[in-house]
N, C-alpha and C. Protein backbone atom coordinates (compact mmCIF):
# COMPACT_ATOMS: atom_id res chain seq x y z
N UNK A 1 28.10 -136.35 76.49
CA UNK A 1 27.85 -135.10 75.80
C UNK A 1 27.05 -134.32 77.49
N UNK A 2 27.30 -133.42 77.70
CA UNK A 2 26.50 -132.59 78.26
C UNK A 2 24.97 -132.41 78.56
N UNK A 3 24.35 -131.81 79.23
CA UNK A 3 23.31 -131.96 79.02
C UNK A 3 22.97 -130.61 78.16
N UNK A 4 21.56 -130.34 77.35
CA UNK A 4 21.58 -129.26 77.03
C UNK A 4 20.93 -128.43 77.88
N UNK A 5 20.08 -128.79 78.69
CA UNK A 5 19.69 -127.97 79.72
C UNK A 5 20.49 -127.99 81.39
N UNK A 6 20.83 -127.40 81.52
CA UNK A 6 22.07 -127.89 82.69
C UNK A 6 21.15 -127.67 83.82
N UNK A 7 21.61 -128.82 85.03
CA UNK A 7 21.04 -128.69 86.12
C UNK A 7 21.43 -127.77 87.23
N UNK A 8 20.83 -128.01 88.23
CA UNK A 8 21.34 -126.52 89.65
C UNK A 8 22.40 -127.92 90.53
N UNK A 9 23.63 -127.04 90.52
CA UNK A 9 24.93 -128.08 91.71
C UNK A 9 25.10 -127.25 92.52
N UNK A 10 25.37 -127.92 93.37
CA UNK A 10 26.11 -128.04 94.61
C UNK A 10 27.96 -127.69 94.50
N UNK A 11 28.25 -126.51 94.20
CA UNK A 11 29.43 -125.94 93.74
C UNK A 11 30.21 -126.38 94.93
N UNK A 12 31.62 -126.90 94.74
CA UNK A 12 32.30 -127.56 95.73
C UNK A 12 33.86 -126.52 95.81
N UNK A 13 34.13 -126.26 94.26
CA UNK A 13 35.22 -125.14 94.89
C UNK A 13 35.01 -123.71 93.57
N UNK A 14 36.04 -123.07 93.84
CA UNK A 14 35.75 -121.70 92.77
C UNK A 14 35.51 -121.95 91.65
N UNK A 15 36.07 -123.56 91.29
CA UNK A 15 36.09 -123.69 89.80
C UNK A 15 34.64 -123.81 89.17
N UNK A 16 34.04 -124.47 90.12
CA UNK A 16 32.57 -124.83 89.95
C UNK A 16 31.74 -123.67 89.81
N UNK A 17 32.00 -122.50 90.20
CA UNK A 17 31.56 -121.14 89.91
C UNK A 17 31.85 -120.69 89.15
N UNK A 18 33.02 -121.04 88.35
CA UNK A 18 33.41 -120.41 87.43
C UNK A 18 33.13 -120.77 86.23
N UNK A 19 32.61 -122.26 86.38
CA UNK A 19 32.30 -122.82 85.17
C UNK A 19 31.15 -122.62 84.89
N UNK A 20 29.77 -122.35 85.90
CA UNK A 20 28.67 -121.88 85.70
C UNK A 20 28.70 -120.60 85.04
N UNK A 21 29.68 -119.24 85.47
CA UNK A 21 29.86 -118.48 84.92
C UNK A 21 30.20 -118.19 83.49
N UNK A 22 31.23 -118.85 83.09
CA UNK A 22 31.29 -119.14 81.83
C UNK A 22 30.35 -119.59 81.33
N UNK A 23 29.78 -120.93 81.29
CA UNK A 23 28.77 -120.86 80.50
C UNK A 23 27.47 -119.92 80.14
N UNK A 24 27.33 -119.44 81.23
CA UNK A 24 26.13 -118.29 81.24
C UNK A 24 27.04 -116.99 79.56
N UNK A 25 28.23 -117.14 80.11
CA UNK A 25 28.51 -116.19 79.33
C UNK A 25 28.94 -116.33 77.50
N UNK A 26 28.97 -117.65 77.45
CA UNK A 26 28.98 -118.11 76.41
C UNK A 26 27.54 -119.07 75.52
N UNK A 27 26.82 -118.72 76.56
CA UNK A 27 25.67 -119.49 75.78
C UNK A 27 24.44 -118.28 75.52
N UNK A 28 24.96 -117.33 76.02
CA UNK A 28 24.24 -115.49 76.00
C UNK A 28 23.59 -115.28 74.54
N UNK A 29 22.91 -115.69 74.07
CA UNK A 29 22.42 -115.38 72.34
C UNK A 29 23.04 -116.63 71.15
N UNK A 30 22.55 -117.36 72.02
CA UNK A 30 23.23 -118.59 71.33
C UNK A 30 22.76 -119.72 71.65
N UNK A 31 22.17 -120.48 71.07
CA UNK A 31 21.47 -122.23 70.98
C UNK A 31 22.21 -122.63 72.21
N UNK A 32 21.83 -123.30 73.33
CA UNK A 32 22.24 -123.74 74.58
C UNK A 32 22.32 -125.31 74.05
N UNK A 33 21.82 -125.75 72.90
CA UNK A 33 22.60 -127.22 72.49
C UNK A 33 24.03 -126.85 71.85
N UNK A 34 24.42 -125.63 70.75
CA UNK A 34 25.42 -126.01 70.39
C UNK A 34 26.45 -125.43 71.73
N UNK A 35 26.18 -124.42 72.52
CA UNK A 35 27.13 -125.12 73.33
C UNK A 35 27.35 -126.27 74.45
N UNK A 36 26.19 -126.90 74.74
CA UNK A 36 26.01 -128.07 75.28
C UNK A 36 27.21 -129.65 74.79
N UNK A 37 27.11 -129.65 73.30
CA UNK A 37 27.23 -130.05 72.77
C UNK A 37 28.67 -130.25 72.65
N UNK A 38 29.63 -128.86 72.86
CA UNK A 38 30.80 -128.77 72.95
C UNK A 38 31.46 -128.48 73.91
N UNK A 39 30.68 -128.40 75.27
CA UNK A 39 31.12 -127.98 76.77
C UNK A 39 33.01 -128.81 77.04
N UNK A 40 32.80 -129.85 76.42
CA UNK A 40 34.50 -130.42 76.93
C UNK A 40 35.37 -129.91 76.34
N UNK A 41 35.01 -128.94 75.08
CA UNK A 41 35.82 -128.48 74.67
C UNK A 41 36.70 -127.18 75.54
N UNK A 42 35.06 -126.39 75.62
CA UNK A 42 35.27 -125.20 76.65
C UNK A 42 36.22 -125.34 78.00
N UNK A 43 35.85 -127.09 78.88
CA UNK A 43 36.57 -126.90 80.09
C UNK A 43 37.81 -127.74 79.36
N UNK A 44 38.35 -128.34 78.26
CA UNK A 44 39.46 -128.20 77.78
C UNK A 44 40.12 -126.95 77.82
N UNK A 45 39.81 -126.35 77.53
CA UNK A 45 40.52 -124.52 76.49
C UNK A 45 40.78 -123.97 77.99
N UNK A 46 39.44 -124.24 78.64
CA UNK A 46 40.13 -123.26 80.23
C UNK A 46 40.34 -123.95 81.40
N UNK A 47 41.22 -124.96 81.12
CA UNK A 47 41.74 -125.89 82.08
C UNK A 47 40.94 -126.55 83.25
N UNK A 48 39.99 -126.86 82.93
CA UNK A 48 38.78 -127.03 83.97
C UNK A 48 38.32 -126.13 84.81
N UNK A 49 38.63 -124.87 83.77
CA UNK A 49 38.15 -123.94 84.71
C UNK A 49 38.81 -123.36 86.06
N UNK A 50 40.22 -123.70 85.89
CA UNK A 50 40.97 -123.29 87.32
C UNK A 50 40.91 -121.76 87.29
N UNK A 51 40.53 -121.35 87.93
CA UNK A 51 40.26 -119.86 88.16
C UNK A 51 41.06 -119.12 87.53
N UNK A 52 42.59 -119.59 89.01
CA UNK A 52 43.70 -119.26 89.49
C UNK A 52 44.89 -118.96 87.75
N UNK A 53 44.53 -120.20 87.23
CA UNK A 53 45.21 -120.04 85.80
C UNK A 53 44.55 -119.23 85.02
N UNK A 54 43.20 -119.57 84.30
CA UNK A 54 42.47 -118.71 83.83
C UNK A 54 43.04 -116.87 84.19
N UNK A 55 42.81 -116.58 85.19
CA UNK A 55 43.50 -115.11 85.19
C UNK A 55 44.87 -114.68 85.09
N UNK A 56 45.34 -116.12 84.79
CA UNK A 56 46.69 -115.35 84.10
C UNK A 56 47.01 -115.72 82.72
N UNK A 57 45.70 -115.74 81.97
CA UNK A 57 45.57 -115.64 80.38
C UNK A 57 46.13 -114.69 79.96
N UNK A 58 47.14 -114.32 78.66
CA UNK A 58 47.53 -113.51 78.15
C UNK A 58 46.90 -113.60 76.62
N UNK A 59 47.47 -112.66 75.83
CA UNK A 59 46.61 -113.41 74.22
C UNK A 59 47.16 -114.04 73.81
N UNK A 60 47.91 -114.93 73.87
CA UNK A 60 48.67 -116.08 72.79
C UNK A 60 47.64 -117.04 73.41
N UNK A 61 47.16 -117.01 74.96
CA UNK A 61 46.03 -117.87 75.73
C UNK A 61 44.54 -117.63 75.05
N UNK A 62 44.13 -116.17 74.40
CA UNK A 62 42.79 -116.03 73.91
C UNK A 62 43.18 -116.98 72.40
N UNK A 63 44.51 -116.56 71.77
CA UNK A 63 44.51 -116.90 70.24
C UNK A 63 44.26 -118.80 70.66
N UNK A 64 44.95 -119.18 71.74
CA UNK A 64 44.84 -120.84 71.66
C UNK A 64 43.46 -121.11 71.71
N UNK A 65 42.80 -120.19 72.45
CA UNK A 65 41.72 -121.00 73.10
C UNK A 65 40.58 -120.81 71.44
N UNK A 66 40.19 -119.69 70.48
CA UNK A 66 40.03 -119.27 69.50
C UNK A 66 39.97 -120.03 68.41
N UNK A 67 41.15 -120.95 68.94
CA UNK A 67 41.84 -122.20 67.59
C UNK A 67 41.37 -123.54 68.39
N UNK A 68 40.62 -123.51 68.79
CA UNK A 68 39.93 -124.41 69.83
C UNK A 68 38.89 -125.48 69.16
N UNK A 69 38.64 -126.17 68.33
CA UNK A 69 37.44 -126.99 68.18
C UNK A 69 36.43 -126.93 68.88
N UNK A 70 35.27 -126.52 68.67
CA UNK A 70 34.51 -126.45 69.06
C UNK A 70 33.47 -125.42 70.09
N UNK A 71 34.76 -124.29 70.04
CA UNK A 71 34.53 -123.06 71.33
C UNK A 71 34.54 -121.79 69.84
N UNK A 72 33.49 -121.25 70.58
CA UNK A 72 33.10 -119.94 69.74
C UNK A 72 33.73 -119.11 69.52
N UNK A 73 33.96 -118.86 68.85
CA UNK A 73 35.52 -118.00 68.16
C UNK A 73 34.91 -116.74 68.48
N UNK A 74 34.58 -116.13 69.55
CA UNK A 74 34.25 -115.07 69.90
C UNK A 74 35.35 -114.10 70.79
N UNK A 75 36.02 -113.15 70.75
CA UNK A 75 37.06 -112.49 71.96
C UNK A 75 36.61 -111.97 72.76
N UNK A 76 35.74 -111.37 72.26
CA UNK A 76 35.14 -110.56 73.54
C UNK A 76 34.58 -111.85 74.78
N UNK A 77 33.58 -112.62 74.44
CA UNK A 77 33.55 -113.92 75.11
C UNK A 77 34.89 -114.36 76.03
N UNK A 78 35.88 -114.69 75.14
CA UNK A 78 36.76 -115.14 75.83
C UNK A 78 37.47 -114.36 76.62
N UNK A 79 37.69 -112.81 76.36
CA UNK A 79 38.28 -112.32 76.83
C UNK A 79 37.31 -111.32 78.60
N UNK A 80 35.99 -111.19 78.29
CA UNK A 80 34.94 -111.33 79.67
C UNK A 80 35.27 -112.69 80.30
N UNK A 81 35.87 -113.85 79.76
CA UNK A 81 35.86 -114.92 81.04
C UNK A 81 37.40 -114.49 81.86
N UNK A 82 37.98 -114.35 80.93
CA UNK A 82 39.34 -113.90 81.54
C UNK A 82 39.22 -113.04 82.77
N UNK A 83 38.64 -112.21 82.35
CA UNK A 83 38.21 -110.55 83.08
C UNK A 83 37.17 -111.29 84.75
N UNK A 84 36.37 -112.14 84.36
CA UNK A 84 35.68 -112.76 85.49
C UNK A 84 36.77 -113.45 86.17
N UNK A 85 37.39 -114.35 85.77
CA UNK A 85 38.18 -115.13 86.49
C UNK A 85 39.06 -114.48 87.88
N UNK A 86 39.60 -113.06 86.91
CA UNK A 86 40.18 -112.04 88.12
C UNK A 86 39.60 -111.71 89.07
N UNK A 87 37.93 -110.84 88.28
CA UNK A 87 37.47 -110.64 89.44
C UNK A 87 36.27 -111.81 90.46
N UNK A 88 36.70 -112.75 89.77
CA UNK A 88 36.13 -114.00 90.93
C UNK A 88 37.07 -114.19 91.96
N UNK A 89 38.33 -113.97 91.56
CA UNK A 89 39.26 -114.26 92.79
C UNK A 89 39.57 -113.13 93.53
N UNK A 90 39.28 -111.92 93.38
CA UNK A 90 39.29 -111.08 94.10
C UNK A 90 38.16 -110.73 95.08
N UNK A 91 36.59 -111.14 94.48
CA UNK A 91 35.43 -111.79 95.37
C UNK A 91 36.08 -112.18 96.53
N UNK A 92 36.70 -113.89 96.15
CA UNK A 92 36.90 -114.49 96.93
C UNK A 92 37.82 -113.85 97.73
N UNK A 93 38.92 -113.21 97.78
CA UNK A 93 39.64 -112.53 98.74
C UNK A 93 39.22 -111.47 99.65
N UNK A 94 38.40 -110.33 98.71
CA UNK A 94 37.98 -109.75 99.58
C UNK A 94 37.13 -109.98 100.74
N UNK A 95 36.27 -111.34 100.24
CA UNK A 95 35.54 -111.60 101.22
C UNK A 95 35.86 -112.70 101.69
N UNK A 96 36.68 -113.15 101.91
CA UNK A 96 36.94 -114.78 102.72
C UNK A 96 36.47 -115.61 102.59
N UNK A 97 36.31 -115.88 101.23
CA UNK A 97 35.49 -116.99 100.60
C UNK A 97 34.50 -116.22 99.64
N UNK A 98 34.56 -116.81 98.17
CA UNK A 98 32.95 -116.24 97.50
C UNK A 98 31.99 -117.02 97.82
N UNK A 99 31.70 -117.74 98.15
CA UNK A 99 30.22 -117.67 99.28
C UNK A 99 29.87 -116.84 100.11
N UNK A 100 30.92 -115.86 100.87
CA UNK A 100 30.33 -114.90 101.97
C UNK A 100 30.23 -113.68 100.67
N UNK A 101 30.97 -113.66 99.40
CA UNK A 101 30.98 -112.75 98.47
C UNK A 101 29.21 -112.84 98.82
N UNK A 102 28.26 -113.74 97.62
CA UNK A 102 27.36 -114.32 97.42
C UNK A 102 26.44 -113.59 98.30
N UNK A 103 26.84 -113.73 99.97
CA UNK A 103 25.74 -113.44 101.22
C UNK A 103 25.95 -112.20 101.70
N UNK A 104 26.84 -111.54 100.83
CA UNK A 104 27.54 -110.45 102.55
C UNK A 104 26.01 -109.38 101.75
N UNK A 105 25.24 -109.53 100.91
CA UNK A 105 24.36 -108.10 100.61
C UNK A 105 22.59 -108.58 100.98
N UNK A 106 21.96 -107.54 101.66
CA UNK A 106 20.72 -108.01 101.99
C UNK A 106 20.02 -107.77 101.07
N UNK A 107 20.04 -107.80 100.15
CA UNK A 107 18.89 -108.29 98.83
C UNK A 107 19.22 -108.72 97.65
N UNK A 108 18.43 -109.82 96.84
CA UNK A 108 19.09 -110.04 95.60
C UNK A 108 19.33 -108.54 94.60
N UNK A 109 18.72 -108.06 95.04
CA UNK A 109 18.62 -106.77 93.84
C UNK A 109 20.16 -106.09 93.95
N UNK A 110 20.25 -105.81 95.54
CA UNK A 110 22.02 -105.52 95.74
C UNK A 110 22.79 -106.70 94.77
N UNK A 111 23.00 -107.75 95.35
CA UNK A 111 23.91 -108.61 94.35
C UNK A 111 23.98 -108.54 93.61
N UNK A 112 22.79 -108.64 92.33
CA UNK A 112 22.55 -108.68 91.17
C UNK A 112 23.11 -107.30 90.74
N UNK A 113 23.44 -106.04 91.33
CA UNK A 113 23.69 -104.36 91.23
C UNK A 113 25.58 -104.70 91.09
N UNK A 114 25.49 -105.44 91.80
CA UNK A 114 27.38 -105.29 92.14
C UNK A 114 27.94 -106.62 91.46
N UNK A 115 27.09 -107.66 90.97
CA UNK A 115 27.75 -108.41 90.03
C UNK A 115 27.75 -108.04 89.03
N UNK A 116 26.42 -107.11 88.16
CA UNK A 116 26.44 -106.94 86.73
C UNK A 116 27.63 -105.74 87.02
N UNK A 117 27.72 -104.85 87.82
CA UNK A 117 28.94 -103.94 87.61
C UNK A 117 30.57 -104.80 87.68
N UNK A 118 30.47 -106.02 88.80
CA UNK A 118 32.08 -106.57 88.80
C UNK A 118 32.35 -107.58 87.88
N UNK A 119 31.31 -108.45 87.34
CA UNK A 119 31.74 -109.10 86.35
C UNK A 119 31.49 -108.95 84.96
N UNK A 120 32.27 -109.26 83.93
CA UNK A 120 31.87 -108.67 82.32
C UNK A 120 30.85 -109.68 82.10
N UNK A 121 30.16 -109.67 81.10
CA UNK A 121 28.61 -109.52 80.22
C UNK A 121 28.39 -110.57 81.12
N UNK A 122 27.84 -109.95 82.68
CA UNK A 122 26.45 -110.42 83.05
C UNK A 122 25.87 -109.52 83.57
N UNK A 123 24.49 -109.92 82.84
CA UNK A 123 23.31 -108.67 82.72
C UNK A 123 22.41 -109.89 83.52
N UNK A 124 21.03 -108.99 83.70
CA UNK A 124 20.18 -109.18 84.42
C UNK A 124 19.78 -111.08 83.98
N UNK A 125 20.18 -111.58 82.98
CA UNK A 125 19.18 -112.63 82.81
C UNK A 125 21.03 -113.66 83.07
N UNK A 126 21.93 -113.67 83.18
CA UNK A 126 22.93 -114.04 83.47
C UNK A 126 22.87 -114.44 85.05
N UNK A 127 23.14 -112.83 85.29
CA UNK A 127 23.04 -113.28 87.07
C UNK A 127 22.01 -113.72 87.62
N UNK A 128 20.80 -113.90 87.30
CA UNK A 128 20.11 -114.65 87.99
C UNK A 128 20.03 -116.43 87.52
N UNK A 129 20.50 -116.59 86.13
CA UNK A 129 20.93 -118.28 85.75
C UNK A 129 22.05 -118.27 86.79
N UNK A 130 23.08 -117.59 86.79
CA UNK A 130 24.41 -117.82 87.44
C UNK A 130 23.28 -118.17 88.96
N UNK A 131 23.16 -117.61 89.55
CA UNK A 131 22.83 -117.57 91.51
C UNK A 131 21.40 -118.94 91.04
N UNK A 132 21.10 -119.22 90.10
CA UNK A 132 19.70 -120.54 90.43
C UNK A 132 20.64 -121.36 89.96
N UNK A 133 21.67 -122.12 89.20
CA UNK A 133 22.44 -122.64 88.54
C UNK A 133 23.34 -123.19 89.96
N UNK A 134 23.45 -122.17 90.82
CA UNK A 134 24.80 -122.50 91.70
C UNK A 134 24.03 -122.23 93.07
N UNK A 135 22.94 -122.57 93.22
CA UNK A 135 21.91 -123.17 94.62
C UNK A 135 21.49 -122.11 95.56
N UNK A 136 21.64 -120.56 95.09
CA UNK A 136 21.60 -119.31 95.53
C UNK A 136 20.52 -119.12 95.45
N UNK A 137 19.50 -118.62 96.40
CA UNK A 137 18.24 -118.18 96.34
C UNK A 137 18.01 -116.59 95.44
N UNK A 138 17.01 -116.57 94.77
CA UNK A 138 16.59 -116.20 93.48
C UNK A 138 15.34 -115.67 93.54
N UNK A 139 14.47 -114.75 92.73
CA UNK A 139 13.40 -114.11 92.71
C UNK A 139 12.60 -115.40 92.02
N UNK A 140 11.43 -115.45 92.24
CA UNK A 140 10.48 -116.52 91.61
C UNK A 140 10.40 -116.01 90.15
N UNK A 141 10.88 -117.20 89.55
CA UNK A 141 11.23 -117.31 88.04
C UNK A 141 9.88 -116.42 87.42
N UNK A 142 8.69 -116.90 87.25
CA UNK A 142 7.55 -116.10 86.21
C UNK A 142 7.69 -114.33 86.79
N UNK A 143 7.31 -113.97 87.62
CA UNK A 143 7.40 -112.79 87.92
C UNK A 143 8.36 -112.01 87.64
N UNK A 144 9.70 -112.82 88.15
CA UNK A 144 11.15 -111.80 87.25
C UNK A 144 11.07 -111.89 86.06
N UNK A 145 11.19 -113.24 85.57
CA UNK A 145 11.29 -113.06 84.07
C UNK A 145 10.10 -111.85 83.17
N UNK A 146 9.29 -112.00 83.78
CA UNK A 146 8.10 -110.51 83.35
C UNK A 146 8.77 -109.63 82.87
N UNK A 147 9.55 -109.34 83.57
CA UNK A 147 10.38 -107.72 83.79
C UNK A 147 11.79 -108.02 82.39
N UNK A 148 11.91 -109.47 81.79
CA UNK A 148 13.20 -109.18 81.23
C UNK A 148 12.43 -109.26 79.91
N UNK A 149 12.62 -108.82 79.00
CA UNK A 149 12.31 -108.78 77.48
C UNK A 149 12.42 -110.04 76.72
N UNK A 150 11.43 -110.44 75.98
CA UNK A 150 11.92 -111.75 75.10
C UNK A 150 11.23 -113.03 75.70
N UNK A 151 11.35 -114.00 74.66
CA UNK A 151 11.23 -115.28 75.21
C UNK A 151 11.98 -116.31 75.62
N UNK A 152 11.82 -116.91 76.80
CA UNK A 152 13.37 -117.97 77.41
C UNK A 152 12.95 -119.14 77.96
N UNK A 153 12.77 -119.74 76.42
CA UNK A 153 11.87 -121.29 76.96
C UNK A 153 12.93 -122.47 77.21
N UNK A 154 14.40 -122.14 77.18
CA UNK A 154 15.42 -122.86 77.69
C UNK A 154 15.61 -122.63 79.35
N UNK A 155 15.54 -121.42 79.54
CA UNK A 155 15.39 -120.79 81.01
C UNK A 155 14.16 -121.76 81.38
N UNK A 156 13.11 -121.19 80.92
CA UNK A 156 11.67 -122.11 81.68
C UNK A 156 11.83 -123.57 82.03
N UNK A 157 12.76 -123.98 81.25
CA UNK A 157 13.11 -125.26 80.91
C UNK A 157 13.88 -126.16 82.00
N UNK A 158 14.43 -124.95 82.05
CA UNK A 158 15.73 -125.42 83.62
C UNK A 158 14.96 -125.38 84.71
N UNK A 159 14.35 -124.06 85.10
CA UNK A 159 13.54 -124.01 86.25
C UNK A 159 12.67 -125.44 86.79
N UNK A 160 11.90 -125.35 85.48
CA UNK A 160 11.14 -127.01 85.90
C UNK A 160 11.68 -128.25 86.23
N UNK A 161 12.63 -128.13 85.39
CA UNK A 161 13.60 -129.38 85.58
C UNK A 161 13.85 -129.20 87.11
N UNK A 162 14.67 -128.26 87.14
CA UNK A 162 14.91 -127.62 89.22
C UNK A 162 13.76 -128.45 89.94
N UNK A 163 12.86 -127.96 89.64
CA UNK A 163 11.68 -127.45 90.90
C UNK A 163 11.19 -129.71 90.56
N UNK A 164 11.37 -129.74 89.16
CA UNK A 164 10.62 -131.12 89.29
C UNK A 164 11.52 -131.90 90.18
N UNK A 165 12.70 -132.23 90.24
CA UNK A 165 13.94 -132.91 91.22
C UNK A 165 14.21 -131.64 92.16
N UNK A 166 13.71 -130.70 93.01
CA UNK A 166 13.28 -130.38 94.25
C UNK A 166 14.64 -129.24 94.26
N UNK A 167 14.94 -129.14 93.70
CA UNK A 167 16.85 -128.23 93.59
C UNK A 167 16.33 -126.92 92.99
N UNK A 168 15.06 -126.17 93.27
CA UNK A 168 14.94 -124.80 93.40
C UNK A 168 15.00 -123.93 94.85
N UNK A 169 15.92 -123.21 94.44
CA UNK A 169 15.88 -122.17 95.61
C UNK A 169 15.09 -121.02 95.24
N UNK A 170 13.96 -120.72 94.26
CA UNK A 170 13.24 -119.43 94.23
C UNK A 170 12.51 -119.24 95.04
N UNK A 171 12.56 -117.54 95.64
CA UNK A 171 11.66 -117.49 96.69
C UNK A 171 10.20 -117.88 96.22
N UNK A 172 9.33 -117.66 97.29
CA UNK A 172 7.84 -117.99 97.39
C UNK A 172 7.10 -116.68 96.77
N UNK A 173 7.62 -115.80 96.87
CA UNK A 173 7.52 -113.71 96.52
C UNK A 173 8.45 -113.43 95.72
N UNK A 174 8.33 -112.72 94.76
CA UNK A 174 9.10 -112.10 94.29
C UNK A 174 9.81 -110.83 94.96
N UNK A 175 10.52 -110.85 95.76
CA UNK A 175 10.57 -110.23 96.66
C UNK A 175 12.35 -109.31 96.87
N UNK A 176 12.22 -108.41 96.21
CA UNK A 176 13.77 -108.18 95.66
C UNK A 176 14.69 -107.76 97.19
N UNK A 177 14.07 -107.09 98.13
CA UNK A 177 14.67 -106.34 99.06
C UNK A 177 14.64 -107.78 100.19
N UNK A 178 14.10 -109.06 100.11
CA UNK A 178 13.95 -109.85 101.36
C UNK A 178 16.08 -110.11 101.00
N UNK A 179 16.56 -110.54 102.67
CA UNK A 179 17.73 -110.69 102.23
C UNK A 179 17.88 -112.23 101.86
N UNK A 180 19.03 -112.51 101.31
CA UNK A 180 19.21 -114.11 100.96
C UNK A 180 19.57 -115.06 101.71
N UNK A 181 18.54 -116.03 101.77
CA UNK A 181 18.43 -116.90 103.10
C UNK A 181 19.88 -117.82 102.83
N UNK A 182 20.29 -118.18 103.58
CA UNK A 182 21.93 -119.51 103.62
C UNK A 182 21.16 -120.40 103.21
N UNK A 183 21.87 -121.30 102.90
CA UNK A 183 21.74 -122.69 101.97
C UNK A 183 21.05 -123.74 103.43
N UNK A 184 20.13 -124.72 102.93
CA UNK A 184 19.65 -125.48 103.62
C UNK A 184 20.65 -126.88 103.90
N UNK A 185 20.90 -126.95 104.89
CA UNK A 185 21.94 -128.36 105.16
C UNK A 185 21.15 -129.38 104.33
N UNK A 186 22.23 -130.48 104.11
CA UNK A 186 21.76 -131.61 103.34
C UNK A 186 21.28 -131.61 101.88
């Protein structure tokens, strides 16, 4: 069974990025535990997050996913996932790679603004979550989350766990104008 609180990963393929994005979409507003308990069903329904395959899905595929045991029956989130696969492929193609897309902005704020416009159901929380989980630089959690309404205990647990493991790429200062830094080797 998948962990309730997901780890920061080192994406090795577009599918890895797409899986993190899809999890952000599906767990928004839902118990993270519920999604984690059935994550294998999502992996199967979306063909191991093969971005090219998912981008080609049609209504028959949407109906198939809706009928998959363990997957939330939320047509809107399934359609968003398909749109996100297409948008991710576009960003990858337009920039000569998805990582190049992520690092083509001069600030976190500029990247977050484009991300929210480009990808479906990716609001402030999901953008930060996605970038954090894929090891990209993000503003420090505590000052950043203070700007987001509500309590976010799972996010806080995820951040604390990543910090304890030395996997957090938070900026030391919440400076939304600082350019994202490339990942360190190793």
